[in-house]
C-alpha cells in the first residue's frame, strides 16, 4: 500500500512541506488557497492530528503481510485460464483470492468489512449510471453506454457481493446455492425442481 501525500501536508511543528508555515501567509502554499491574515486561535489540536495521520500513513506504507503464502496460493488457483475449461470454479477461486488480497492489504476489522459491504452500493451506482447512459437520459451527454457496459457493471456488483460474502468468513458458493434453492422454492413446486 502506497501512502499518498495530502494536497498540502504540515509537519508537527506547523511548517509545510515547502518550508513555509500556515501562519506565514506565503502564497506559494501547495493548497492553492489564498493566504490568511490570522492563524487559528489554537492550531495545536490540528497539528497533533496531522502528525498522528502522518505516523499512521507511514506505518501502513511500511506494513507488509507477514505470510503471503495463502494469498499466493489463492492467486495461483485463480490465475487466468481458459474459462470454458475451468468452468465456474475460476469465479469462486478468484473471489476467494481477492478477499485474501484485501485481507493482507487492509486487515479484517469491522471498518474494513463495512467498506467491503458498502462497496456494493458504489458498484450499484455505477450500474445506474451505465443504464442512464444507455437510455441517453442526460440530453447534454446523449447515449454514452451500451448493454454490454450495463452487463459489465452488473457483473462488478455480483463479484463484489461474492467478495463481501467471503469476507464474512462464509463460502460464497454455498451461500449462493442456498439463495438459488430459496428462489427455486418460490417459482416451482418441489416435484419439478431439478435435482
N, C-alpha and C. Protein backbone atom coordinates (compact mmCIF):
# COMPACT_ATOMS: atom_id res chain seq x y z
N UNK A 1 0.86 -1.17 0.00
CA UNK A 1 0.00 0.00 0.00
C UNK A 1 0.90 1.22 0.00
N UNK A 2 0.64 2.13 -0.89
CA UNK A 2 1.44 3.33 -1.01
C UNK A 2 0.74 4.47 -0.29
N UNK A 3 1.50 5.19 0.52
CA UNK A 3 0.94 6.35 1.19
C UNK A 3 0.93 7.50 0.20
N UNK A 4 -0.18 8.17 0.10
CA UNK A 4 -0.29 9.31 -0.79
C UNK A 4 -0.26 10.59 0.03
N UNK A 5 0.59 11.54 -0.39
CA UNK A 5 0.65 12.78 0.39
C UNK A 5 -0.64 13.55 0.29
N UNK A 6 -0.93 14.29 1.34
CA UNK A 6 -2.10 15.16 1.34
C UNK A 6 -1.83 16.29 0.36
N UNK A 7 -2.87 16.98 -0.13
CA UNK A 7 -2.65 18.09 -1.04
C UNK A 7 -1.66 19.10 -0.47
N UNK A 8 -1.70 19.29 0.83
CA UNK A 8 -0.70 20.13 1.48
C UNK A 8 -0.48 19.57 2.86
N UNK A 9 0.71 19.09 3.10
CA UNK A 9 1.00 18.45 4.38
C UNK A 9 1.79 19.40 5.27
N UNK A 10 1.49 19.39 6.55
CA UNK A 10 2.20 20.18 7.52
C UNK A 10 2.92 19.25 8.47
N UNK A 11 4.11 19.60 8.83
CA UNK A 11 4.85 18.84 9.83
C UNK A 11 4.26 19.14 11.20
N UNK A 12 4.68 18.36 12.19
CA UNK A 12 4.15 18.53 13.54
C UNK A 12 4.41 19.92 14.09
N UNK A 13 5.50 20.59 13.63
CA UNK A 13 5.79 21.93 14.13
C UNK A 13 5.00 23.02 13.41
N UNK A 14 4.17 22.62 12.44
CA UNK A 14 3.35 23.58 11.73
C UNK A 14 3.96 24.06 10.44
N UNK A 15 5.22 23.70 10.17
CA UNK A 15 5.81 24.12 8.90
C UNK A 15 5.28 23.22 7.80
N UNK A 16 5.26 23.75 6.58
CA UNK A 16 4.71 22.97 5.48
C UNK A 16 5.82 22.21 4.79
N UNK A 17 5.42 21.34 3.88
CA UNK A 17 6.38 20.57 3.11
C UNK A 17 7.24 21.50 2.26
N UNK A 18 6.76 22.71 1.96
CA UNK A 18 7.52 23.65 1.16
C UNK A 18 8.38 24.55 2.01
N UNK A 19 8.33 24.37 3.32
CA UNK A 19 9.17 25.16 4.20
C UNK A 19 8.48 26.38 4.77
N UNK A 20 7.26 26.64 4.36
CA UNK A 20 6.56 27.79 4.91
C UNK A 20 5.55 27.30 5.93
N UNK A 21 5.15 28.15 6.82
CA UNK A 21 4.19 27.75 7.83
C UNK A 21 2.82 28.25 7.43
N UNK A 22 1.77 27.64 7.95
CA UNK A 22 0.43 28.07 7.59
C UNK A 22 0.17 29.50 8.03
N UNK A 23 0.91 29.96 9.04
CA UNK A 23 0.69 31.31 9.54
C UNK A 23 1.45 32.36 8.74
N UNK A 24 2.38 31.94 7.85
CA UNK A 24 3.25 32.89 7.19
C UNK A 24 2.56 33.69 6.11
N UNK A 25 1.43 33.22 5.64
CA UNK A 25 0.73 33.92 4.56
C UNK A 25 1.45 33.76 3.23
N UNK A 26 2.35 32.80 3.11
CA UNK A 26 3.10 32.57 1.89
C UNK A 26 2.16 32.10 0.79
N UNK A 27 2.11 32.82 -0.32
CA UNK A 27 1.19 32.47 -1.39
C UNK A 27 1.67 31.27 -2.19
N UNK A 28 2.84 30.74 -1.88
CA UNK A 28 3.34 29.58 -2.62
C UNK A 28 2.86 28.26 -2.03
N UNK A 29 1.98 28.32 -1.06
CA UNK A 29 1.46 27.08 -0.47
C UNK A 29 0.82 26.22 -1.56
N UNK A 30 1.04 24.93 -1.46
CA UNK A 30 0.54 24.00 -2.46
C UNK A 30 -0.97 23.92 -2.50
N UNK A 31 -1.64 24.32 -1.45
CA UNK A 31 -3.09 24.16 -1.38
C UNK A 31 -3.80 25.03 -2.39
N UNK A 32 -3.16 26.10 -2.86
CA UNK A 32 -3.81 26.98 -3.81
C UNK A 32 -4.79 27.93 -3.16
N UNK A 33 -4.93 27.86 -1.84
CA UNK A 33 -5.84 28.75 -1.14
C UNK A 33 -5.16 30.08 -0.91
N UNK A 34 -5.91 31.16 -0.91
CA UNK A 34 -5.28 32.46 -0.64
C UNK A 34 -4.78 32.51 0.79
N UNK A 35 -3.70 33.27 1.03
CA UNK A 35 -3.17 33.35 2.39
C UNK A 35 -4.16 34.04 3.30
N UNK A 36 -4.12 33.67 4.57
CA UNK A 36 -4.99 34.31 5.56
C UNK A 36 -4.15 35.23 6.42
N UNK A 37 -4.78 36.24 6.96
CA UNK A 37 -4.06 37.20 7.79
C UNK A 37 -3.94 36.71 9.23
N UNK A 38 -4.83 35.83 9.66
CA UNK A 38 -4.81 35.41 11.06
C UNK A 38 -4.78 33.89 11.13
N UNK A 39 -3.96 33.39 12.03
CA UNK A 39 -3.89 31.95 12.27
C UNK A 39 -5.03 31.56 13.19
N UNK A 40 -5.45 30.28 13.17
CA UNK A 40 -6.47 29.84 14.12
C UNK A 40 -5.99 30.08 15.54
N UNK A 41 -6.93 30.32 16.42
CA UNK A 41 -6.60 30.64 17.81
C UNK A 41 -5.75 29.53 18.42
N UNK A 42 -6.11 28.28 18.22
CA UNK A 42 -5.33 27.18 18.78
C UNK A 42 -5.16 26.12 17.71
N UNK A 43 -4.04 26.14 17.03
CA UNK A 43 -3.78 25.19 15.95
C UNK A 43 -3.16 23.90 16.47
N UNK A 44 -2.86 23.82 17.77
CA UNK A 44 -2.20 22.63 18.32
C UNK A 44 -2.98 21.34 18.07
N UNK A 45 -4.32 21.30 18.29
CA UNK A 45 -5.02 20.05 18.02
C UNK A 45 -4.95 19.64 16.55
N UNK A 46 -4.99 20.61 15.66
CA UNK A 46 -4.90 20.31 14.23
C UNK A 46 -3.52 19.76 13.90
N UNK A 47 -2.49 20.40 14.45
CA UNK A 47 -1.12 19.95 14.22
C UNK A 47 -0.92 18.54 14.76
N UNK A 48 -1.47 18.26 15.93
CA UNK A 48 -1.34 16.92 16.52
C UNK A 48 -2.06 15.88 15.67
N UNK A 49 -3.24 16.22 15.16
CA UNK A 49 -3.98 15.28 14.31
C UNK A 49 -3.22 15.01 13.03
N UNK A 50 -2.63 16.05 12.45
CA UNK A 50 -1.84 15.87 11.23
C UNK A 50 -0.62 15.00 11.49
N UNK A 51 0.03 15.19 12.63
CA UNK A 51 1.19 14.36 12.97
C UNK A 51 0.78 12.92 13.16
N UNK A 52 -0.35 12.68 13.85
CA UNK A 52 -0.85 11.31 14.03
C UNK A 52 -1.18 10.66 12.69
N UNK A 53 -1.80 11.42 11.79
CA UNK A 53 -2.14 10.88 10.48
C UNK A 53 -0.88 10.54 9.70
N UNK A 54 0.15 11.37 9.80
CA UNK A 54 1.41 11.10 9.10
C UNK A 54 2.06 9.83 9.64
N UNK A 55 2.01 9.62 10.96
CA UNK A 55 2.56 8.40 11.55
C UNK A 55 1.78 7.17 11.10
N UNK A 56 0.47 7.29 11.06
CA UNK A 56 -0.37 6.16 10.62
C UNK A 56 -0.09 5.84 9.16
N UNK A 57 0.02 6.87 8.31
CA UNK A 57 0.33 6.63 6.90
C UNK A 57 1.67 5.94 6.74
N UNK A 58 2.67 6.37 7.51
CA UNK A 58 3.99 5.76 7.43
C UNK A 58 3.94 4.30 7.86
N UNK A 59 3.18 4.01 8.92
CA UNK A 59 3.07 2.63 9.39
C UNK A 59 2.39 1.75 8.35
N UNK A 60 1.34 2.26 7.70
CA UNK A 60 0.66 1.49 6.66
C UNK A 60 1.56 1.27 5.46
N UNK A 61 2.33 2.29 5.10
CA UNK A 61 3.21 2.17 3.94
C UNK A 61 4.29 1.13 4.18
N UNK A 62 4.76 1.02 5.44
CA UNK A 62 5.83 0.08 5.76
C UNK A 62 5.29 -1.32 6.05
N UNK A 63 3.99 -1.44 6.30
CA UNK A 63 3.43 -2.74 6.68
C UNK A 63 3.38 -3.66 5.48
N UNK A 64 3.77 -4.87 5.68
CA UNK A 64 3.68 -5.90 4.64
C UNK A 64 3.06 -7.13 5.28
N UNK A 65 2.28 -7.87 4.54
CA UNK A 65 1.70 -9.07 5.13
C UNK A 65 2.81 -10.02 5.59
N UNK A 66 2.65 -10.55 6.79
CA UNK A 66 3.67 -11.43 7.36
C UNK A 66 3.78 -12.73 6.56
N UNK A 67 2.67 -13.26 6.14
CA UNK A 67 2.67 -14.53 5.43
C UNK A 67 1.85 -14.38 4.17
N UNK A 68 2.51 -14.34 3.03
CA UNK A 68 1.79 -14.17 1.77
C UNK A 68 1.44 -15.51 1.12
N UNK A 69 1.82 -16.61 1.74
CA UNK A 69 1.57 -17.92 1.14
C UNK A 69 0.09 -18.16 0.83
N UNK A 70 -0.87 -17.86 1.75
CA UNK A 70 -2.27 -18.10 1.40
C UNK A 70 -2.73 -17.26 0.21
N UNK A 71 -2.25 -16.02 0.14
CA UNK A 71 -2.63 -15.16 -0.98
C UNK A 71 -2.03 -15.70 -2.26
N UNK A 72 -0.75 -16.08 -2.21
CA UNK A 72 -0.08 -16.61 -3.40
C UNK A 72 -0.78 -17.87 -3.89
N UNK A 73 -1.15 -18.76 -2.97
CA UNK A 73 -1.83 -20.00 -3.35
C UNK A 73 -3.19 -19.70 -3.96
N UNK A 74 -3.93 -18.77 -3.36
CA UNK A 74 -5.25 -18.42 -3.88
C UNK A 74 -5.13 -17.79 -5.26
N UNK A 75 -4.12 -16.94 -5.45
CA UNK A 75 -3.93 -16.31 -6.75
C UNK A 75 -3.56 -17.34 -7.80
N UNK A 76 -2.79 -18.35 -7.43
CA UNK A 76 -2.44 -19.41 -8.37
C UNK A 76 -3.70 -20.16 -8.79
N UNK A 77 -4.58 -20.45 -7.81
CA UNK A 77 -5.83 -21.13 -8.12
C UNK A 77 -6.72 -20.29 -9.03
N UNK A 78 -6.61 -18.96 -8.92
CA UNK A 78 -7.47 -18.06 -9.67
C UNK A 78 -6.80 -17.52 -10.92
N UNK A 79 -5.62 -18.01 -11.26
CA UNK A 79 -4.90 -17.49 -12.41
C UNK A 79 -5.77 -17.59 -13.67
N UNK A 80 -5.66 -16.59 -14.54
CA UNK A 80 -6.47 -16.64 -15.76
C UNK A 80 -6.20 -17.91 -16.55
N UNK A 81 -7.26 -18.59 -16.86
CA UNK A 81 -7.18 -19.82 -17.66
C UNK A 81 -8.31 -19.78 -18.66
N UNK A 82 -8.35 -20.78 -19.49
CA UNK A 82 -9.44 -20.90 -20.45
C UNK A 82 -10.74 -21.07 -19.66
N UNK A 83 -11.62 -20.08 -19.76
CA UNK A 83 -12.85 -20.08 -18.97
C UNK A 83 -13.69 -21.31 -19.24
N UNK A 84 -13.75 -21.74 -20.50
CA UNK A 84 -14.57 -22.90 -20.84
C UNK A 84 -14.03 -24.16 -20.17
N UNK A 85 -12.70 -24.28 -20.10
CA UNK A 85 -12.11 -25.46 -19.48
C UNK A 85 -12.22 -25.41 -17.96
N UNK A 86 -12.18 -24.23 -17.39
CA UNK A 86 -12.19 -24.09 -15.94
C UNK A 86 -13.58 -24.22 -15.35
N UNK A 87 -14.59 -23.99 -16.15
CA UNK A 87 -15.94 -23.99 -15.62
C UNK A 87 -16.13 -22.82 -14.68
N UNK A 88 -17.08 -22.96 -13.74
CA UNK A 88 -17.35 -21.83 -12.85
C UNK A 88 -16.41 -21.81 -11.65
N UNK A 89 -15.50 -22.78 -11.51
CA UNK A 89 -14.57 -22.80 -10.39
C UNK A 89 -13.66 -21.58 -10.34
N UNK A 90 -13.36 -21.01 -11.48
CA UNK A 90 -12.48 -19.84 -11.54
C UNK A 90 -13.11 -18.65 -10.83
N UNK A 91 -14.42 -18.50 -10.94
CA UNK A 91 -15.11 -17.38 -10.28
C UNK A 91 -14.93 -17.47 -8.78
N UNK A 92 -15.17 -18.64 -8.21
CA UNK A 92 -15.10 -18.81 -6.77
C UNK A 92 -13.66 -18.64 -6.28
N UNK A 93 -12.70 -19.21 -7.01
CA UNK A 93 -11.29 -19.09 -6.62
C UNK A 93 -10.83 -17.64 -6.69
N UNK A 94 -11.28 -16.90 -7.69
CA UNK A 94 -10.88 -15.50 -7.82
C UNK A 94 -11.50 -14.66 -6.71
N UNK A 95 -12.74 -14.92 -6.37
CA UNK A 95 -13.38 -14.18 -5.27
C UNK A 95 -12.63 -14.43 -3.97
N UNK A 96 -12.26 -15.69 -3.73
CA UNK A 96 -11.52 -16.01 -2.51
C UNK A 96 -10.13 -15.37 -2.53
N UNK A 97 -9.46 -15.40 -3.67
CA UNK A 97 -8.13 -14.79 -3.79
C UNK A 97 -8.21 -13.28 -3.56
N UNK A 98 -9.23 -12.66 -4.11
CA UNK A 98 -9.37 -11.21 -3.93
C UNK A 98 -9.63 -10.87 -2.48
N UNK A 99 -10.43 -11.70 -1.80
CA UNK A 99 -10.68 -11.49 -0.37
C UNK A 99 -9.39 -11.61 0.42
N UNK A 100 -8.57 -12.61 0.11
CA UNK A 100 -7.29 -12.78 0.80
C UNK A 100 -6.35 -11.61 0.52
N UNK A 101 -6.36 -11.12 -0.70
CA UNK A 101 -5.53 -9.98 -1.06
C UNK A 101 -5.95 -8.74 -0.27
N UNK A 102 -7.27 -8.51 -0.18
CA UNK A 102 -7.78 -7.38 0.61
C UNK A 102 -7.45 -7.55 2.09
N UNK A 103 -7.58 -8.77 2.60
CA UNK A 103 -7.25 -9.04 4.00
C UNK A 103 -5.79 -8.67 4.28
N UNK A 104 -4.90 -9.08 3.38
CA UNK A 104 -3.47 -8.81 3.58
C UNK A 104 -3.18 -7.32 3.50
N UNK A 105 -3.86 -6.63 2.61
CA UNK A 105 -3.59 -5.21 2.40
C UNK A 105 -4.26 -4.32 3.44
N UNK A 106 -5.50 -4.67 3.84
CA UNK A 106 -6.31 -3.76 4.66
C UNK A 106 -6.73 -4.32 6.00
N UNK A 107 -6.46 -5.58 6.27
CA UNK A 107 -6.90 -6.17 7.53
C UNK A 107 -8.33 -6.68 7.42
N UNK A 108 -8.86 -7.11 8.56
CA UNK A 108 -10.19 -7.72 8.56
C UNK A 108 -11.10 -7.15 9.64
N UNK A 109 -10.78 -5.97 10.12
CA UNK A 109 -11.60 -5.36 11.18
C UNK A 109 -12.98 -4.96 10.68
N UNK A 110 -13.81 -4.57 11.62
CA UNK A 110 -15.18 -4.19 11.29
C UNK A 110 -15.25 -3.04 10.29
N UNK A 111 -14.35 -2.07 10.41
CA UNK A 111 -14.37 -0.93 9.47
C UNK A 111 -14.08 -1.42 8.05
N UNK A 112 -13.13 -2.34 7.91
CA UNK A 112 -12.80 -2.87 6.58
C UNK A 112 -13.97 -3.68 6.03
N UNK A 113 -14.58 -4.52 6.87
CA UNK A 113 -15.72 -5.31 6.41
C UNK A 113 -16.87 -4.39 6.00
N UNK A 114 -17.07 -3.32 6.75
CA UNK A 114 -18.11 -2.35 6.41
C UNK A 114 -17.84 -1.77 5.03
N UNK A 115 -16.60 -1.41 4.77
CA UNK A 115 -16.25 -0.87 3.45
C UNK A 115 -16.52 -1.87 2.33
N UNK A 116 -16.24 -3.13 2.59
CA UNK A 116 -16.47 -4.15 1.56
C UNK A 116 -17.97 -4.33 1.28
N UNK A 117 -18.77 -4.25 2.32
CA UNK A 117 -20.22 -4.35 2.12
C UNK A 117 -20.74 -3.10 1.41
N UNK A 118 -20.28 -1.92 1.84
CA UNK A 118 -20.72 -0.67 1.22
C UNK A 118 -20.25 -0.53 -0.22
N UNK A 119 -19.20 -1.23 -0.59
CA UNK A 119 -18.70 -1.22 -1.96
C UNK A 119 -19.80 -1.66 -2.92
N UNK A 120 -20.70 -2.50 -2.45
CA UNK A 120 -21.84 -2.92 -3.28
C UNK A 120 -22.68 -1.73 -3.72
N UNK A 121 -22.89 -0.79 -2.82
CA UNK A 121 -23.67 0.40 -3.15
C UNK A 121 -22.97 1.23 -4.22
N UNK A 122 -21.66 1.36 -4.10
CA UNK A 122 -20.89 2.08 -5.11
C UNK A 122 -21.04 1.41 -6.47
N UNK A 123 -20.88 0.10 -6.49
CA UNK A 123 -20.99 -0.64 -7.76
C UNK A 123 -22.40 -0.55 -8.33
N UNK A 124 -23.42 -0.60 -7.47
CA UNK A 124 -24.80 -0.47 -7.94
C UNK A 124 -25.03 0.91 -8.54
N UNK A 125 -24.41 1.93 -7.97
CA UNK A 125 -24.50 3.27 -8.54
C UNK A 125 -23.90 3.32 -9.94
N UNK A 126 -22.83 2.57 -10.17
CA UNK A 126 -22.23 2.52 -11.50
C UNK A 126 -23.16 1.83 -12.49
N UNK A 127 -23.92 0.83 -12.02
CA UNK A 127 -24.93 0.20 -12.88
C UNK A 127 -25.97 1.25 -13.28
N UNK A 128 -26.44 2.01 -12.30
CA UNK A 128 -27.44 3.03 -12.58
C UNK A 128 -26.90 4.06 -13.57
N UNK A 129 -25.66 4.48 -13.39
CA UNK A 129 -25.06 5.44 -14.32
C UNK A 129 -24.95 4.88 -15.73
N UNK A 130 -24.59 3.61 -15.84
CA UNK A 130 -24.49 2.98 -17.16
C UNK A 130 -25.87 2.87 -17.81
N UNK A 131 -26.89 2.54 -17.02
CA UNK A 131 -28.25 2.43 -17.56
C UNK A 131 -28.74 3.80 -18.04
N UNK A 132 -28.51 4.82 -17.24
CA UNK A 132 -28.89 6.18 -17.65
C UNK A 132 -28.15 6.55 -18.94
N UNK A 133 -26.87 6.17 -19.02
CA UNK A 133 -26.10 6.44 -20.23
C UNK A 133 -26.61 5.66 -21.43
N UNK A 134 -27.10 4.47 -21.21
CA UNK A 134 -27.68 3.67 -22.29
C UNK A 134 -28.96 4.31 -22.83
N UNK A 135 -29.76 4.83 -21.91
CA UNK A 135 -31.02 5.45 -22.31
C UNK A 135 -30.82 6.85 -22.90
N UNK A 136 -29.65 7.43 -22.70
CA UNK A 136 -29.41 8.79 -23.17
C UNK A 136 -30.22 9.81 -22.41
N UNK A 137 -30.50 9.53 -21.15
CA UNK A 137 -31.37 10.37 -20.33
C UNK A 137 -30.82 11.78 -20.15
N UNK A 138 -29.50 11.92 -20.12
CA UNK A 138 -28.90 13.24 -19.96
C UNK A 138 -28.75 13.88 -21.34
N UNK A 139 -29.55 14.90 -21.66
CA UNK A 139 -29.51 15.48 -23.00
C UNK A 139 -28.16 16.11 -23.34
N UNK A 140 -27.43 16.52 -22.35
CA UNK A 140 -26.12 17.10 -22.60
C UNK A 140 -25.12 16.05 -23.07
N UNK A 141 -25.24 14.83 -22.56
CA UNK A 141 -24.29 13.76 -22.90
C UNK A 141 -24.80 12.84 -24.00
N UNK A 142 -26.10 12.64 -24.05
CA UNK A 142 -26.65 11.70 -25.03
C UNK A 142 -26.39 10.26 -24.59
N UNK A 143 -26.38 9.35 -25.56
CA UNK A 143 -26.15 7.94 -25.28
C UNK A 143 -24.65 7.73 -25.09
N UNK A 144 -24.28 7.23 -23.93
CA UNK A 144 -22.86 7.06 -23.59
C UNK A 144 -22.49 5.62 -23.27
N UNK A 145 -23.46 4.73 -23.13
CA UNK A 145 -23.19 3.36 -22.74
C UNK A 145 -23.96 2.38 -23.61
N UNK A 146 -23.52 1.13 -23.58
CA UNK A 146 -24.18 0.04 -24.30
C UNK A 146 -24.73 -0.97 -23.31
N UNK A 147 -25.48 -1.93 -23.81
CA UNK A 147 -25.96 -3.01 -22.95
C UNK A 147 -24.78 -3.81 -22.38
N UNK A 148 -23.73 -3.94 -23.17
CA UNK A 148 -22.54 -4.64 -22.67
C UNK A 148 -21.93 -3.88 -21.48
N UNK A 149 -21.95 -2.55 -21.54
CA UNK A 149 -21.45 -1.74 -20.41
C UNK A 149 -22.29 -1.99 -19.16
N UNK A 150 -23.60 -2.02 -19.34
CA UNK A 150 -24.50 -2.26 -18.19
C UNK A 150 -24.24 -3.67 -17.63
N UNK A 151 -24.10 -4.65 -18.52
CA UNK A 151 -23.84 -6.03 -18.08
C UNK A 151 -22.52 -6.11 -17.32
N UNK A 152 -21.49 -5.41 -17.80
CA UNK A 152 -20.20 -5.43 -17.11
C UNK A 152 -20.32 -4.82 -15.72
N UNK A 153 -21.10 -3.76 -15.59
CA UNK A 153 -21.31 -3.15 -14.27
C UNK A 153 -22.10 -4.09 -13.35
N UNK A 154 -23.09 -4.78 -13.91
CA UNK A 154 -23.83 -5.77 -13.12
C UNK A 154 -22.92 -6.89 -12.65
N UNK A 155 -22.01 -7.31 -13.52
CA UNK A 155 -21.04 -8.34 -13.13
C UNK A 155 -20.15 -7.84 -11.99
N UNK A 156 -19.77 -6.56 -12.03
CA UNK A 156 -18.99 -5.99 -10.93
C UNK A 156 -19.76 -6.08 -9.62
N UNK A 157 -21.07 -5.82 -9.67
CA UNK A 157 -21.90 -5.92 -8.46
C UNK A 157 -21.90 -7.36 -7.95
N UNK A 158 -22.10 -8.31 -8.85
CA UNK A 158 -22.15 -9.72 -8.45
C UNK A 158 -20.83 -10.16 -7.85
N UNK A 159 -19.73 -9.78 -8.49
CA UNK A 159 -18.43 -10.19 -7.98
C UNK A 159 -18.12 -9.53 -6.64
N UNK A 160 -18.48 -8.27 -6.51
CA UNK A 160 -18.27 -7.55 -5.25
C UNK A 160 -19.06 -8.22 -4.13
N UNK A 161 -20.25 -8.70 -4.44
CA UNK A 161 -21.05 -9.42 -3.44
C UNK A 161 -20.36 -10.71 -3.03
N UNK A 162 -19.79 -11.43 -4.00
CA UNK A 162 -19.09 -12.67 -3.66
C UNK A 162 -17.91 -12.39 -2.73
N UNK A 163 -17.16 -11.34 -3.02
CA UNK A 163 -16.02 -10.99 -2.17
C UNK A 163 -16.51 -10.60 -0.78
N UNK A 164 -17.61 -9.86 -0.68
CA UNK A 164 -18.15 -9.48 0.62
C UNK A 164 -18.58 -10.71 1.41
N UNK A 165 -19.21 -11.67 0.75
CA UNK A 165 -19.62 -12.91 1.42
C UNK A 165 -18.40 -13.65 1.94
N UNK A 166 -17.39 -13.79 1.09
CA UNK A 166 -16.15 -14.45 1.52
C UNK A 166 -15.51 -13.70 2.69
N UNK A 167 -15.59 -12.37 2.67
CA UNK A 167 -15.00 -11.55 3.73
C UNK A 167 -15.69 -11.76 5.07
N UNK A 168 -16.94 -12.21 5.05
CA UNK A 168 -17.67 -12.51 6.27
C UNK A 168 -17.27 -13.88 6.84
N UNK A 169 -16.35 -14.57 6.14
CA UNK A 169 -15.90 -15.88 6.60
C UNK A 169 -16.77 -17.01 6.11
N UNK A 170 -17.61 -16.73 5.13
CA UNK A 170 -18.50 -17.75 4.59
C UNK A 170 -18.05 -18.17 3.20
N UNK A 171 -18.48 -19.32 2.76
CA UNK A 171 -18.18 -19.79 1.42
C UNK A 171 -19.23 -19.22 0.47
N UNK A 172 -18.80 -18.37 -0.46
CA UNK A 172 -19.74 -17.69 -1.35
C UNK A 172 -20.55 -18.68 -2.18
N UNK A 173 -19.93 -19.75 -2.61
CA UNK A 173 -20.65 -20.73 -3.44
C UNK A 173 -21.79 -21.36 -2.64
N UNK A 174 -21.53 -21.72 -1.39
CA UNK A 174 -22.56 -22.33 -0.55
C UNK A 174 -23.70 -21.34 -0.30
N UNK A 175 -23.36 -20.08 -0.04
CA UNK A 175 -24.37 -19.06 0.21
C UNK A 175 -25.23 -18.86 -1.03
N UNK A 176 -24.59 -18.79 -2.20
CA UNK A 176 -25.35 -18.59 -3.44
C UNK A 176 -26.21 -19.81 -3.77
N UNK A 177 -25.69 -21.01 -3.51
CA UNK A 177 -26.51 -22.22 -3.71
C UNK A 177 -27.76 -22.16 -2.83
N UNK A 178 -27.61 -21.72 -1.59
CA UNK A 178 -28.76 -21.57 -0.70
C UNK A 178 -29.76 -20.56 -1.23
N UNK A 179 -29.25 -19.48 -1.78
CA UNK A 179 -30.13 -18.46 -2.37
C UNK A 179 -30.88 -19.04 -3.57
N UNK A 180 -30.17 -19.80 -4.41
CA UNK A 180 -30.81 -20.42 -5.58
C UNK A 180 -31.90 -21.39 -5.14
N UNK A 181 -31.64 -22.15 -4.08
CA UNK A 181 -32.66 -23.08 -3.56
C UNK A 181 -33.90 -22.30 -3.11
N UNK A 182 -33.69 -21.17 -2.45
CA UNK A 182 -34.81 -20.34 -1.97
C UNK A 182 -35.63 -19.83 -3.15
N UNK A 183 -34.95 -19.37 -4.20
CA UNK A 183 -35.65 -18.85 -5.37
C UNK A 183 -36.40 -19.97 -6.08
N UNK A 184 -35.76 -21.13 -6.22
CA UNK A 184 -36.43 -22.28 -6.85
C UNK A 184 -37.71 -22.64 -6.10
N UNK A 185 -37.65 -22.62 -4.77
CA UNK A 185 -38.82 -22.97 -3.97
C UNK A 185 -39.97 -22.00 -4.22
N UNK A 186 -39.66 -20.75 -4.55
CA UNK A 186 -40.70 -19.78 -4.82
C UNK A 186 -41.35 -19.95 -6.19
N UNK A 187 -40.58 -20.42 -7.17
CA UNK A 187 -41.11 -20.41 -8.54
C UNK A 187 -41.58 -21.76 -9.04
N UNK A 188 -41.25 -22.84 -8.34
CA UNK A 188 -41.64 -24.16 -8.84
C UNK A 188 -42.04 -25.07 -7.71
N UNK A 189 -43.04 -25.91 -7.94
CA UNK A 189 -43.37 -26.92 -6.93
C UNK A 189 -42.17 -27.83 -6.70
N UNK A 190 -42.08 -28.38 -5.52
CA UNK A 190 -40.94 -29.20 -5.13
C UNK A 190 -40.71 -30.37 -6.09
N UNK A 191 -41.78 -30.93 -6.65
CA UNK A 191 -41.60 -32.10 -7.54
C UNK A 191 -41.04 -31.71 -8.91
N UNK A 192 -40.97 -30.40 -9.24
CA UNK A 192 -40.42 -30.00 -10.54
C UNK A 192 -39.02 -29.41 -10.43
N UNK A 193 -38.45 -29.34 -9.23
CA UNK A 193 -37.12 -28.80 -9.06
C UNK A 193 -36.08 -29.76 -9.62
N UNK A 194 -35.09 -29.23 -10.34
CA UNK A 194 -34.02 -30.13 -10.81
C UNK A 194 -33.23 -30.66 -9.62
N UNK A 195 -32.79 -31.89 -9.72
CA UNK A 195 -32.04 -32.46 -8.59
C UNK A 195 -30.57 -32.36 -8.80
